[in-house]
Structure formats: C-alpha cells, structure tokens
Amino acid sequence: MISSLVFLFAALTDLLDGYIARSYKAKSRFGEIFDPLADKILILSAFLGLVYLDRVNAWIPFVILGREFFISGLRVLAANEKKDIPVNALGKYKTVSQVVAISALLANLTYSYVLVAIAVFLTLYSGIDYTIKYYKS
C-alpha cells in the first residue's frame, strides 16, 4: 500500500508541475521534451518493477514501450514535415489509466487486472488515433 501511495505522489507531482507551468505560462522547450519523457520513465519503470515482482505479465510494458517508440518516431517525422500532432485528451486518458492501473497493482486490489486491461486498450487505441491523425494532417 505504501508503494502505491509513493507512486501516486510521484504521478500527482507531475500533474501539478504541468498545471503550474500552464497557469504561469512557464512553458519551455526543455519541458516540452523532458516532461513526457519523465512520464514514460515513471510508467515503464513501475510496470517493469511489477513484472519483476511477478504482478503483471511481461508483454504489458513492451506494448507500452512499443507504442511510445512508434509515436515518438511519428512525432519526429511530423516535425520534419512541419506537421503538428498535438497531445489530445485520449493521450491524457491513457496516462491516467496507466497510473490508476499501476496504483491498483501496487495496492494489491482485486480488480487491478481489469484496470490494466483498460490501460492497455487505451494505450493501443491512442496510438492508433495518433497514427490516423498523422496521416490525415
């Protein structure tokens, strides 16, 4: 339970950081690049730790990692082509679902695998959505 609270604290500080940056219009190129990277490191390291503890199947972090690499590559292509693929609500729901699923797994809640399934679905669905938006732009 303590690990779940520590993880939630880390995720909430990231959310608060983004809120403060937007409120004070304190956006920076550094933040635009490294904040999403920090999010991915937090999520993937938690899932890998859960794999090590045998609390989640090993394919789950690989699906997430594969999606993140693919979308990052799409963003690089889009930038080279002067296209913009903005972050949308679906991507944010994906991240929230991952945080909730990890927190539930860390707290050893009985319904945590349903939350993991939702997180995997949103991860894949948001990846497909970004891909469609790239090709339409």
Protein backbone atom coordinates (compact mmCIF):
# COMPACT_ATOMS: atom_id res chain seq x y z
CA MET A 1 0.00 0.00 0.00
CA ILE A 2 2.87 2.40 0.79
CA SER A 3 4.40 1.79 -2.64
CA SER A 4 1.07 2.68 -4.22
CA LEU A 5 0.93 5.96 -2.29
CA VAL A 6 4.53 6.83 -3.22
CA PHE A 7 3.80 6.12 -6.87
CA LEU A 8 0.61 8.21 -6.76
CA PHE A 9 2.55 11.04 -5.13
CA ALA A 10 5.12 10.96 -7.96
CA ALA A 11 2.37 10.96 -10.59
CA LEU A 12 0.47 13.78 -8.87
CA THR A 13 3.59 15.96 -8.59
CA ASP A 14 3.99 15.58 -12.35
CA LEU A 15 0.37 16.64 -12.83
CA LEU A 16 0.85 19.61 -10.50
CA ASP A 17 4.03 20.62 -12.32
CA GLY A 18 2.16 20.72 -15.63
CA TYR A 19 -0.71 22.68 -14.11
CA ILE A 20 1.65 25.27 -12.63
CA ALA A 21 3.57 25.60 -15.90
CA ARG A 22 0.35 26.20 -17.84
CA SER A 23 -1.07 28.58 -15.22
CA TYR A 24 2.01 30.80 -15.27
CA LYS A 25 2.65 30.29 -18.98
CA ALA A 26 6.05 28.96 -17.99
CA LYS A 27 6.39 26.58 -20.90
CA SER A 28 9.83 25.78 -22.22
CA ARG A 29 11.26 23.64 -24.98
CA PHE A 30 13.05 21.64 -22.27
CA GLY A 31 9.75 20.95 -20.51
CA GLU A 32 8.00 20.05 -23.74
CA ILE A 33 10.63 17.39 -24.41
CA PHE A 34 11.54 16.10 -20.97
CA ASP A 35 8.18 16.15 -19.18
CA PRO A 36 6.67 13.49 -21.47
CA LEU A 37 9.94 11.55 -21.25
CA ALA A 38 9.79 11.62 -17.45
CA ASP A 39 6.18 10.40 -17.63
CA LYS A 40 7.21 7.46 -19.77
CA ILE A 41 10.13 6.58 -17.50
CA LEU A 42 7.85 6.67 -14.43
CA ILE A 43 5.22 4.44 -16.05
CA LEU A 44 7.65 1.97 -17.62
CA SER A 45 9.86 1.63 -14.56
CA ALA A 46 6.78 0.91 -12.43
CA PHE A 47 5.50 -1.71 -14.87
CA LEU A 48 8.96 -3.30 -15.14
CA GLY A 49 9.15 -3.45 -11.35
CA LEU A 50 5.75 -5.14 -11.31
CA VAL A 51 6.99 -7.64 -13.91
CA TYR A 52 9.98 -8.37 -11.66
CA LEU A 53 7.60 -8.94 -8.73
CA ASP A 54 5.52 -11.22 -10.98
CA ARG A 55 2.46 -8.98 -10.53
CA VAL A 56 1.93 -8.29 -14.23
CA ASN A 57 2.73 -10.09 -17.49
CA ALA A 58 5.95 -9.04 -19.20
CA TRP A 59 4.23 -8.23 -22.51
CA ILE A 60 2.41 -5.25 -20.99
CA PRO A 61 5.41 -2.92 -20.63
CA PHE A 62 6.57 -3.99 -24.09
CA VAL A 63 3.23 -2.98 -25.61
CA ILE A 64 3.51 0.38 -23.85
CA LEU A 65 7.15 0.83 -24.85
CA GLY A 66 6.41 -0.15 -28.45
CA ARG A 67 3.59 2.37 -28.64
CA GLU A 68 5.76 5.12 -27.14
CA PHE A 69 8.65 4.47 -29.56
CA PHE A 70 6.26 4.34 -32.50
CA ILE A 71 4.50 7.58 -31.57
CA SER A 72 7.82 9.30 -30.82
CA GLY A 73 9.01 8.30 -34.29
CA LEU A 74 5.78 9.64 -35.78
CA ARG A 75 6.31 12.93 -33.96
CA VAL A 76 9.84 13.20 -35.40
CA LEU A 77 8.51 12.53 -38.90
CA ALA A 78 5.72 15.06 -38.36
CA ALA A 79 8.20 17.69 -37.16
CA ASN A 80 10.41 17.09 -40.21
CA GLU A 81 7.36 17.54 -42.43
CA LYS A 82 6.26 20.65 -40.49
CA LYS A 83 3.16 18.81 -39.28
CA ASP A 84 1.85 19.04 -35.74
CA ILE A 85 0.28 16.17 -33.85
CA PRO A 86 -0.91 17.82 -30.65
CA VAL A 87 -1.42 15.91 -27.43
CA ASN A 88 -5.12 15.22 -27.05
CA ALA A 89 -7.49 14.04 -24.35
CA LEU A 90 -7.13 10.40 -25.39
CA GLY A 91 -3.39 10.51 -24.69
CA LYS A 92 -4.09 12.00 -21.28
CA TYR A 93 -6.71 9.33 -20.52
CA LYS A 94 -4.12 6.73 -21.49
CA THR A 95 -1.64 8.11 -18.99
CA VAL A 96 -4.24 8.39 -16.23
CA SER A 97 -5.40 4.81 -16.86
CA GLN A 98 -1.80 3.60 -16.61
CA VAL A 99 -1.28 5.45 -13.32
CA VAL A 100 -4.54 4.06 -11.90
CA ALA A 101 -3.68 0.51 -13.04
CA ILE A 102 -0.19 0.66 -11.54
CA SER A 103 -1.53 2.09 -8.28
CA ALA A 104 -4.13 -0.68 -8.08
CA LEU A 105 -1.49 -3.35 -8.73
CA LEU A 106 0.81 -1.87 -6.10
CA ALA A 107 -2.07 -1.76 -3.60
CA ASN A 108 -2.89 -5.38 -4.50
CA LEU A 109 -6.52 -4.56 -5.30
CA THR A 110 -8.57 -7.45 -6.64
CA TYR A 111 -9.87 -5.61 -9.71
CA SER A 112 -6.43 -4.34 -10.75
CA TYR A 113 -6.22 -6.59 -13.82
CA VAL A 114 -9.39 -5.03 -15.23
CA LEU A 115 -7.70 -1.64 -14.86
CA VAL A 116 -4.57 -2.99 -16.57
CA ALA A 117 -6.72 -4.22 -19.47
CA ILE A 118 -8.30 -0.76 -19.77
CA ALA A 119 -4.84 0.85 -19.70
CA VAL A 120 -3.55 -1.47 -22.43
CA PHE A 121 -6.64 -0.82 -24.55
CA LEU A 122 -6.28 2.97 -24.20
CA THR A 123 -2.55 2.72 -24.90
CA LEU A 124 -3.17 0.92 -28.18
CA TYR A 125 -6.24 2.98 -29.11
CA SER A 126 -4.46 6.29 -28.54
CA GLY A 127 -1.54 5.04 -30.63
CA ILE A 128 -3.91 4.22 -33.48
CA ASP A 129 -5.60 7.61 -33.06
CA TYR A 130 -2.27 9.47 -33.28
CA THR A 131 -1.31 7.44 -36.35
CA ILE A 132 -4.57 8.30 -38.11
CA LYS A 133 -4.14 11.99 -37.23
CA TYR A 134 -0.59 11.94 -38.60
CA TYR A 135 -1.69 10.52 -41.96
CA LYS A 136 -4.66 12.91 -42.18
CA SER A 137 -2.54 16.00 -41.47
